[in-house]
Amino acid sequence: MSDLSSNYKIQGWKKYVFSVQHFIAMFGATVLVPLLTGIDPLLALFTAGLGTLLFHTVTGFKVPVFLGSSFAFIAPIVIIRDKFGDLAYSTGAIAVAGLAYLLFALLVKLLGYEKIKKLFPPVVTGSMIIIIGLSLSPVAVQWASSNWLISLSTLVAVIFFSTFFKGFFSMIPVLMGVLVGYTVAVVTGNIDFQAVTQANWIGLPKFVFPKFDISAILMTLPLTIATFMEHVGDITTNGAVVGKDFVKDPGLHRTLIGDGLATSLAGMLGGPANTTYSENTGVLALTKVYDPSVIRGAAILAIILAFFSKFGSVLQTIPQSVIGGVSLVLFGMIASVGIRTLVNEKVDFANSKNLLVGAVMLTLGIGGASLTFGNIELKGVALSAIAGIILNLILPDKDKKKINA
């Protein structure tokens, strides 16, 4: 790995600007989940920030990851809420589901890093990273298509500041893109400030204390199988971007514990489940600033702003098209990192085993295939990863046998 120490020591006021950029990158998706499920968006910001700080503490402050609202839990949150007529049962199930990560962490610890690594050779991890990026691309296009003038203005600004500027401005293209896109939205009359004028300046997030029901818990627990696989992919992606093996140090078991405890804490307070965010990993890839304290700055900002109702209203005026314009770059960056992983690890696709593993994974993951077992649904990254792992274990490496013969 290359020496990236210089990317870990950002000092002074620049660090705060980088933190704001990460905050903005995660904001759209983090508040979208509560808007779809009925959870208070400011509470989602609070639990995301608190969960991120908890994750960094558990992982020894080494991993530049932001935890935001998980889309995987939207369906059970809504189903449980409608069944019981009370959101508290949904968040109670989330609190229990987070504890399942501790079991996964124990299994990883007992099996050992090397055995886990054998389950995820470069052809599997590289394909997973590509799928994570490309599977998010329809979301980016959907958001961008809500107003192409605004989204393309945002996209062009991101590209312009990233390509034609040097120094500080070249490292905050996402923030500058959002500012340009927001300005275009204001000028074209696409922002309604009525909610901002009516909101109070200060207020508490709407905390919801959990209630527990076994049927609600059993409906939610199976999802952790899929989110476990997604977690492995996201941590692998983050490490590939940064140039460090976070599966080994601080260890996959620690990142799982951090993610699980953050999700349980969010559920206990009434927030959505947490997950590692590809948007922020995309910012890392774009800016090449990997200082974990920058992420913690974004988390602290999220916690503080969760108590400013007026500011929360302002942030919610950011058009979906602006977030879409930024996402067109960020999600593509994730896929590009996956391609880079395959190239750097010299994955030989002339080898029939590698070709088959990669082909099946990409088709299942990007094609939207899904398998349902009762209340358990496996799709996307989770399904493709499981298929890739199984194929890698059972397929004979004929090319290797020929070489050894």
Protein backbone atom coordinates (compact mmCIF):
# COMPACT_ATOMS: atom_id res chain seq x y z
CA MET A 1 0.00 0.00 0.00
CA SER A 2 1.13 3.54 -0.62
CA ASP A 3 2.08 5.91 2.18
CA LEU A 4 -1.02 7.93 2.88
CA SER A 5 0.10 9.53 6.13
CA SER A 6 -0.14 13.01 4.67
CA ASN A 7 -3.82 12.41 4.04
CA TYR A 8 -4.38 11.73 7.74
CA LYS A 9 -3.15 15.06 9.14
CA ILE A 10 -5.46 17.81 7.99
CA GLN A 11 -5.07 20.79 10.32
CA GLY A 12 -6.77 24.11 11.01
CA TRP A 13 -9.92 25.56 9.51
CA LYS A 14 -9.70 23.34 6.41
CA LYS A 15 -10.67 20.34 8.52
CA TYR A 16 -14.01 21.97 9.38
CA VAL A 17 -14.78 22.60 5.71
CA PHE A 18 -14.00 18.97 4.89
CA SER A 19 -16.34 17.92 7.71
CA VAL A 20 -19.13 20.08 6.27
CA GLN A 21 -18.61 18.39 2.91
CA HIS A 22 -19.02 14.94 4.46
CA PHE A 23 -22.08 16.14 6.36
CA ILE A 24 -23.72 17.32 3.15
CA ALA A 25 -22.80 14.12 1.31
CA MET A 26 -24.62 11.96 3.83
CA PHE A 27 -27.50 14.32 4.52
CA GLY A 28 -29.82 13.51 1.62
CA ALA A 29 -29.95 9.75 2.18
CA THR A 30 -29.88 10.00 5.98
CA VAL A 31 -32.99 12.19 6.15
CA LEU A 32 -34.73 10.42 3.25
CA VAL A 33 -35.18 7.22 5.28
CA PRO A 34 -37.00 8.95 8.16
CA LEU A 35 -39.09 10.97 5.72
CA LEU A 36 -40.25 7.67 4.16
CA THR A 37 -40.92 5.94 7.48
CA GLY A 38 -42.28 8.70 9.72
CA ILE A 39 -39.19 9.05 11.92
CA ASP A 40 -38.09 12.57 12.80
CA PRO A 41 -35.32 13.61 10.33
CA LEU A 42 -33.52 15.62 13.03
CA LEU A 43 -33.54 12.53 15.26
CA ALA A 44 -32.00 10.58 12.38
CA LEU A 45 -29.22 13.19 12.22
CA PHE A 46 -28.67 12.92 15.97
CA THR A 47 -28.48 9.11 16.03
CA ALA A 48 -26.31 9.05 12.90
CA GLY A 49 -23.81 11.43 14.50
CA LEU A 50 -23.86 9.65 17.85
CA GLY A 51 -23.59 6.25 16.17
CA THR A 52 -20.64 7.40 14.06
CA LEU A 53 -18.75 8.58 17.16
CA LEU A 54 -19.50 5.25 18.87
CA PHE A 55 -18.25 3.35 15.82
CA HIS A 56 -15.00 5.33 15.76
CA THR A 57 -14.49 4.68 19.48
CA VAL A 58 -14.98 0.92 19.07
CA THR A 59 -12.66 0.76 16.03
CA GLY A 60 -9.84 2.73 17.65
CA PHE A 61 -10.46 5.93 15.64
CA LYS A 62 -8.83 4.29 12.59
CA VAL A 63 -11.62 3.90 10.04
CA PRO A 64 -12.91 7.00 8.15
CA VAL A 65 -16.52 5.81 8.04
CA PHE A 66 -19.78 7.70 8.54
CA LEU A 67 -22.86 5.80 9.71
CA GLY A 68 -26.19 7.01 8.35
CA SER A 69 -29.76 5.76 7.99
CA SER A 70 -30.02 2.29 6.45
CA PHE A 71 -32.36 1.82 3.48
CA ALA A 72 -32.45 -1.95 4.12
CA PHE A 73 -34.80 -1.52 7.09
CA ILE A 74 -37.39 0.74 5.42
CA ALA A 75 -39.83 -2.07 4.60
CA PRO A 76 -39.99 -3.69 8.07
CA ILE A 77 -40.17 -0.28 9.78
CA VAL A 78 -43.26 0.64 7.75
CA ILE A 79 -44.86 -2.82 8.02
CA ILE A 80 -44.39 -3.02 11.79
CA ARG A 81 -45.50 0.59 12.27
CA ASP A 82 -48.71 -0.03 10.35
CA LYS A 83 -49.37 -3.36 12.06
CA PHE A 84 -49.05 -2.03 15.61
CA GLY A 85 -49.98 1.57 14.91
CA ASP A 86 -46.89 2.63 16.84
CA LEU A 87 -43.41 3.44 15.53
CA ALA A 88 -41.91 2.37 18.86
CA TYR A 89 -42.28 -1.31 17.94
CA SER A 90 -40.28 -0.71 14.76
CA THR A 91 -37.44 0.98 16.62
CA GLY A 92 -37.53 -1.73 19.31
CA ALA A 93 -36.98 -4.36 16.61
CA ILE A 94 -34.10 -2.27 15.25
CA ALA A 95 -32.49 -2.15 18.70
CA VAL A 96 -32.55 -5.96 18.89
CA ALA A 97 -31.39 -6.39 15.29
CA GLY A 98 -28.29 -4.34 16.06
CA LEU A 99 -27.30 -6.88 18.69
CA ALA A 100 -27.21 -9.59 16.01
CA TYR A 101 -24.08 -7.88 14.67
CA LEU A 102 -22.34 -8.88 17.91
CA LEU A 103 -22.96 -12.53 17.05
CA PHE A 104 -21.51 -12.03 13.58
CA ALA A 105 -18.52 -10.29 15.16
CA LEU A 106 -17.96 -13.27 17.47
CA LEU A 107 -18.02 -15.69 14.53
CA VAL A 108 -15.50 -13.55 12.67
CA LYS A 109 -13.27 -13.43 15.73
CA LEU A 110 -13.45 -17.18 16.30
CA LEU A 111 -12.87 -18.11 12.65
CA GLY A 112 -9.99 -15.66 12.32
CA TYR A 113 -9.08 -13.03 9.78
CA GLU A 114 -7.27 -15.37 7.40
CA LYS A 115 -10.27 -17.70 7.00
CA ILE A 116 -12.55 -14.72 6.44
CA LYS A 117 -10.11 -13.34 3.88
CA LYS A 118 -10.18 -16.63 1.96
CA LEU A 119 -13.93 -16.25 1.65
CA PHE A 120 -13.43 -12.86 0.00
CA PRO A 121 -10.71 -13.13 -2.67
CA PRO A 122 -10.12 -10.07 -4.90
CA VAL A 123 -12.51 -11.29 -7.59
CA VAL A 124 -15.31 -11.37 -5.00
CA THR A 125 -14.47 -8.12 -3.20
CA GLY A 126 -13.79 -6.22 -6.42
CA SER A 127 -17.09 -7.37 -7.91
CA MET A 128 -18.90 -6.47 -4.68
CA ILE A 129 -17.53 -2.94 -4.80
CA ILE A 130 -18.57 -2.52 -8.43
CA ILE A 131 -22.06 -3.76 -7.60
CA ILE A 132 -22.38 -1.39 -4.62
CA GLY A 133 -21.63 1.56 -6.88
CA LEU A 134 -23.66 0.52 -9.92
CA SER A 135 -26.66 -0.72 -7.94
CA LEU A 136 -26.96 2.78 -6.48
CA SER A 137 -26.79 4.42 -9.91
CA PRO A 138 -30.56 4.20 -10.61
CA VAL A 139 -31.15 6.10 -7.36
CA ALA A 140 -28.74 8.82 -8.44
CA VAL A 141 -30.40 9.09 -11.85
CA GLN A 142 -33.87 9.16 -10.30
CA TRP A 143 -32.89 12.00 -7.97
CA ALA A 144 -31.10 13.89 -10.74
CA SER A 145 -33.98 13.53 -13.17
CA SER A 146 -36.30 15.49 -10.88
CA ASN A 147 -34.69 18.60 -12.39
CA TRP A 148 -31.91 18.07 -14.90
CA LEU A 149 -30.94 21.75 -15.05
CA ILE A 150 -30.16 21.81 -11.34
CA SER A 151 -28.57 18.35 -11.21
CA LEU A 152 -26.36 18.95 -14.23
CA SER A 153 -25.30 22.34 -12.81
CA THR A 154 -24.29 20.52 -9.65
CA LEU A 155 -22.49 17.78 -11.58
CA VAL A 156 -20.59 20.23 -13.80
CA ALA A 157 -19.52 22.23 -10.74
CA VAL A 158 -18.19 19.09 -9.01
CA ILE A 159 -16.23 18.12 -12.12
CA PHE A 160 -15.01 21.69 -12.68
CA PHE A 161 -13.66 22.21 -9.15
CA SER A 162 -12.17 18.72 -9.05
CA THR A 163 -10.42 19.05 -12.43
CA PHE A 164 -9.49 22.67 -13.04
CA PHE A 165 -8.67 23.87 -9.53
CA LYS A 166 -5.57 23.11 -7.51
CA GLY A 167 -5.02 23.07 -3.78
CA PHE A 168 -7.86 23.52 -1.30
CA PHE A 169 -10.76 24.03 -3.74
CA SER A 170 -9.83 20.87 -5.61
CA MET A 171 -10.46 18.93 -2.39
CA ILE A 172 -13.98 20.25 -1.70
CA PRO A 173 -15.70 19.72 -5.08
CA VAL A 174 -18.78 18.13 -3.49
CA LEU A 175 -19.39 21.10 -1.21
CA MET A 176 -18.87 23.56 -4.07
CA GLY A 177 -21.15 21.52 -6.30
CA VAL A 178 -23.94 21.63 -3.72
CA LEU A 179 -23.51 25.40 -3.29
CA VAL A 180 -23.68 25.96 -7.06
CA GLY A 181 -26.66 23.64 -7.48
CA TYR A 182 -28.51 25.23 -4.56
CA THR A 183 -27.88 28.69 -6.02
CA VAL A 184 -29.29 27.60 -9.37
CA ALA A 185 -32.33 26.17 -7.58
CA VAL A 186 -32.91 29.47 -5.75
CA VAL A 187 -32.52 31.55 -8.91
CA THR A 188 -34.91 29.35 -10.88
CA GLY A 189 -37.52 29.45 -8.10
CA ASN A 190 -37.34 25.76 -7.20
CA ILE A 191 -37.06 26.21 -3.43
CA ASP A 192 -39.96 26.96 -1.06
CA PHE A 193 -38.78 28.69 2.13
CA GLN A 194 -42.19 28.68 3.84
CA ALA A 195 -41.31 25.77 6.14
CA VAL A 196 -38.11 27.58 7.16
CA THR A 197 -39.94 30.77 8.21
CA GLN A 198 -42.46 28.79 10.27
CA ALA A 199 -39.93 26.60 12.11
CA ASN A 200 -38.63 27.33 15.62
CA TRP A 201 -34.94 28.11 16.01
CA ILE A 202 -34.21 25.56 18.75
CA GLY A 203 -35.95 22.30 19.57
CA LEU A 204 -35.36 18.75 20.73
CA PRO A 205 -35.44 15.87 18.26
CA LYS A 206 -38.58 13.77 18.65
CA PHE A 207 -37.20 10.86 20.69
CA VAL A 208 -39.24 7.64 20.64
CA PHE A 209 -38.52 5.07 23.33
CA PRO A 210 -38.78 1.49 22.03
CA LYS A 211 -41.41 -1.15 22.60
CA PHE A 212 -40.74 -4.82 21.99
CA ASP A 213 -42.77 -7.56 20.34
CA ILE A 214 -41.42 -10.94 19.32
CA SER A 215 -43.19 -10.97 15.94
CA ALA A 216 -41.78 -7.54 15.08
CA ILE A 217 -38.30 -8.69 16.13
CA LEU A 218 -38.51 -11.90 14.08
CA MET A 219 -39.62 -9.88 11.07
CA THR A 220 -36.52 -7.67 11.33
CA LEU A 221 -33.74 -10.03 12.45
CA PRO A 222 -33.33 -11.89 9.12
CA LEU A 223 -32.38 -8.61 7.46
CA THR A 224 -29.13 -8.63 9.41
CA ILE A 225 -27.89 -11.50 7.23
CA ALA A 226 -28.08 -9.22 4.21
CA THR A 227 -26.73 -6.16 6.01
CA PHE A 228 -23.81 -8.20 7.34
CA MET A 229 -22.77 -8.93 3.77
CA GLU A 230 -23.26 -5.28 2.83
CA HIS A 231 -21.13 -4.24 5.80
CA VAL A 232 -18.26 -6.44 4.62
CA GLY A 233 -18.53 -4.90 1.17
CA ASP A 234 -18.62 -1.33 2.50
CA ILE A 235 -15.65 -1.82 4.85
CA THR A 236 -13.71 -3.48 2.03
CA THR A 237 -14.59 -0.57 -0.25
CA ASN A 238 -13.55 2.00 2.33
CA GLY A 239 -10.24 0.24 2.84
CA ALA A 240 -9.64 0.01 -0.90
CA VAL A 241 -10.20 3.75 -1.23
CA VAL A 242 -7.96 4.65 1.69
CA GLY A 243 -5.28 2.08 0.90
CA LYS A 244 -5.51 0.17 4.17
CA ASP A 245 -6.88 -3.25 5.10
CA PHE A 246 -9.52 -2.43 7.73
CA VAL A 247 -10.75 -6.04 7.69
CA LYS A 248 -7.41 -6.89 9.33
CA ASP A 249 -6.81 -3.74 11.39
CA PRO A 250 -8.76 -2.76 13.46
CA GLY A 251 -10.54 -5.96 12.40
CA LEU A 252 -13.85 -6.85 10.82
CA HIS A 253 -15.15 -7.99 14.21
CA ARG A 254 -14.59 -4.49 15.61
CA THR A 255 -16.30 -2.75 12.70
CA LEU A 256 -19.25 -5.12 13.09
CA ILE A 257 -19.46 -4.38 16.81
CA GLY A 258 -19.31 -0.66 16.11
CA ASP A 259 -22.04 -0.85 13.47
CA GLY A 260 -24.22 -3.10 15.63
CA LEU A 261 -23.96 -0.98 18.76
CA ALA A 262 -24.66 2.17 16.75
CA THR A 263 -27.79 0.56 15.30
CA SER A 264 -29.00 -0.62 18.72
CA LEU A 265 -28.39 2.82 20.21
CA ALA A 266 -30.36 4.43 17.38
CA GLY A 267 -33.24 2.03 17.94
CA MET A 268 -33.29 2.72 21.68
CA LEU A 269 -33.67 6.45 20.96
CA GLY A 270 -36.24 6.06 18.19
CA GLY A 271 -33.97 6.48 15.18
CA PRO A 272 -33.48 4.34 12.06
CA ALA A 273 -30.88 1.58 11.79
CA ASN A 274 -27.37 2.76 10.93
CA THR A 275 -25.09 1.58 8.16
CA THR A 276 -21.74 2.56 6.66
CA TYR A 277 -22.29 5.16 3.94
CA SER A 278 -21.07 4.83 0.35
CA GLU A 279 -21.66 8.56 -0.18
CA ASN A 280 -18.91 9.42 2.29
CA THR A 281 -16.59 6.77 0.89
CA GLY A 282 -17.15 8.41 -2.48
CA VAL A 283 -16.06 11.74 -0.99
CA LEU A 284 -12.89 10.06 0.29
CA ALA A 285 -12.16 8.73 -3.20
CA LEU A 286 -12.78 12.11 -4.77
CA THR A 287 -10.84 14.30 -2.32
CA LYS A 288 -8.14 11.82 -1.19
CA VAL A 289 -8.46 13.23 2.32
CA TYR A 290 -8.69 10.19 4.60
CA ASP A 291 -8.36 11.76 8.06
CA PRO A 292 -10.94 9.95 10.30
CA SER A 293 -11.22 13.04 12.51
CA VAL A 294 -12.81 14.83 9.54
CA ILE A 295 -15.61 12.24 9.63
CA ARG A 296 -15.96 12.71 13.38
CA GLY A 297 -16.27 16.44 12.74
CA ALA A 298 -19.21 15.71 10.45
CA ALA A 299 -20.74 13.52 13.16
CA ILE A 300 -20.43 16.25 15.79
CA LEU A 301 -21.96 18.73 13.34
CA ALA A 302 -24.90 16.35 12.81
CA ILE A 303 -25.48 16.09 16.56
CA ILE A 304 -25.35 19.85 17.10
CA LEU A 305 -27.58 20.71 14.16
CA ALA A 306 -30.14 18.11 15.27
CA PHE A 307 -31.18 20.63 17.95
CA PHE A 308 -31.57 23.54 15.49
CA SER A 309 -35.03 23.11 14.04
CA LYS A 310 -34.63 26.13 11.82
CA PHE A 311 -31.42 24.81 10.31
CA GLY A 312 -32.98 21.42 9.80
CA SER A 313 -35.72 23.09 7.80
CA VAL A 314 -33.12 24.89 5.66
CA LEU A 315 -31.29 21.65 4.92
CA GLN A 316 -34.52 19.97 3.95
CA THR A 317 -34.98 22.62 1.25
CA ILE A 318 -31.96 21.23 -0.62
CA PRO A 319 -33.58 19.86 -3.78
CA GLN A 320 -33.38 16.17 -4.50
CA SER A 321 -31.88 17.12 -7.85
CA VAL A 322 -28.84 18.67 -6.12
CA ILE A 323 -28.19 15.48 -4.15
CA GLY A 324 -28.74 13.55 -7.37
CA GLY A 325 -26.17 15.62 -9.24
CA VAL A 326 -23.56 14.90 -6.57
CA SER A 327 -24.50 11.22 -6.42
CA LEU A 328 -23.92 10.80 -10.15
CA VAL A 329 -20.23 11.28 -9.34
CA LEU A 330 -19.99 9.66 -5.91
CA PHE A 331 -21.71 6.37 -6.76
CA GLY A 332 -19.69 6.09 -9.97
CA MET A 333 -16.53 6.60 -7.93
CA ILE A 334 -17.41 3.54 -5.84
CA ALA A 335 -17.74 1.37 -8.95
CA SER A 336 -14.44 2.73 -10.26
CA VAL A 337 -12.73 1.71 -7.01
CA GLY A 338 -13.99 -1.84 -7.57
CA ILE A 339 -12.45 -1.87 -11.06
CA ARG A 340 -9.21 -0.52 -9.60
CA THR A 341 -9.22 -3.33 -7.03
CA LEU A 342 -9.48 -5.97 -9.75
CA VAL A 343 -6.65 -4.31 -11.70
CA ASN A 344 -4.34 -3.76 -8.71
CA GLU A 345 -4.82 -7.34 -7.49
CA LYS A 346 -4.12 -8.59 -11.04
CA VAL A 347 -7.29 -10.71 -11.16
CA ASP A 348 -6.93 -12.96 -14.19
CA PHE A 349 -10.23 -13.16 -16.07
CA ALA A 350 -8.65 -15.58 -18.51
CA ASN A 351 -9.02 -17.95 -15.55
CA SER A 352 -12.43 -19.59 -16.04
CA LYS A 353 -13.13 -19.71 -12.30
CA ASN A 354 -12.59 -15.96 -11.87
CA LEU A 355 -14.63 -15.28 -15.00
CA LEU A 356 -17.59 -17.31 -13.75
CA VAL A 357 -17.51 -15.86 -10.23
CA GLY A 358 -17.36 -12.30 -11.50
CA ALA A 359 -19.99 -12.86 -14.19
CA VAL A 360 -22.57 -14.39 -11.85
CA MET A 361 -21.99 -11.80 -9.15
CA LEU A 362 -22.34 -8.84 -11.51
CA THR A 363 -25.46 -10.25 -13.16
CA LEU A 364 -27.22 -11.03 -9.88
CA GLY A 365 -26.15 -7.83 -8.15
CA ILE A 366 -26.83 -5.32 -10.92
CA GLY A 367 -29.73 -7.20 -12.47
CA GLY A 368 -31.85 -6.93 -9.33
CA ALA A 369 -32.22 -10.66 -8.66
CA SER A 370 -33.76 -11.62 -5.31
CA LEU A 371 -34.49 -14.75 -3.30
CA THR A 372 -37.18 -14.86 -0.63
CA PHE A 373 -37.42 -17.36 2.21
CA GLY A 374 -40.42 -16.46 4.35
CA ASN A 375 -39.68 -12.97 5.66
CA ILE A 376 -36.06 -13.18 4.53
CA GLU A 377 -35.18 -11.49 1.24
CA LEU A 378 -31.71 -11.60 -0.23
CA LYS A 379 -30.93 -9.30 -3.14
CA GLY A 380 -28.35 -6.94 -4.54
CA VAL A 381 -24.96 -6.97 -2.86
CA ALA A 382 -25.99 -9.55 -0.26
CA LEU A 383 -27.24 -12.13 -2.77
CA SER A 384 -24.37 -11.61 -5.20
CA ALA A 385 -21.79 -11.81 -2.41
CA ILE A 386 -23.20 -15.08 -1.11
CA ALA A 387 -23.28 -16.49 -4.65
CA GLY A 388 -19.70 -15.35 -5.23
CA ILE A 389 -18.43 -16.86 -1.99
CA ILE A 390 -20.13 -20.20 -2.68
CA LEU A 391 -18.92 -20.37 -6.29
CA ASN A 392 -15.37 -19.48 -5.23
CA LEU A 393 -15.41 -22.33 -2.71
CA ILE A 394 -16.91 -25.06 -4.89
CA LEU A 395 -15.57 -24.33 -8.38
CA PRO A 396 -12.28 -26.10 -9.21
CA ASP A 397 -9.43 -23.89 -10.29
CA LYS A 398 -8.59 -25.77 -13.49
CA ASP A 399 -6.10 -23.18 -14.68
CA LYS A 400 -4.17 -23.46 -11.41
CA LYS A 401 -4.09 -27.24 -11.68
CA LYS A 402 -2.59 -26.97 -15.14
CA ILE A 403 0.10 -24.65 -13.88
CA ASN A 404 0.92 -26.96 -10.97
CA ALA A 405 0.95 -30.06 -13.17
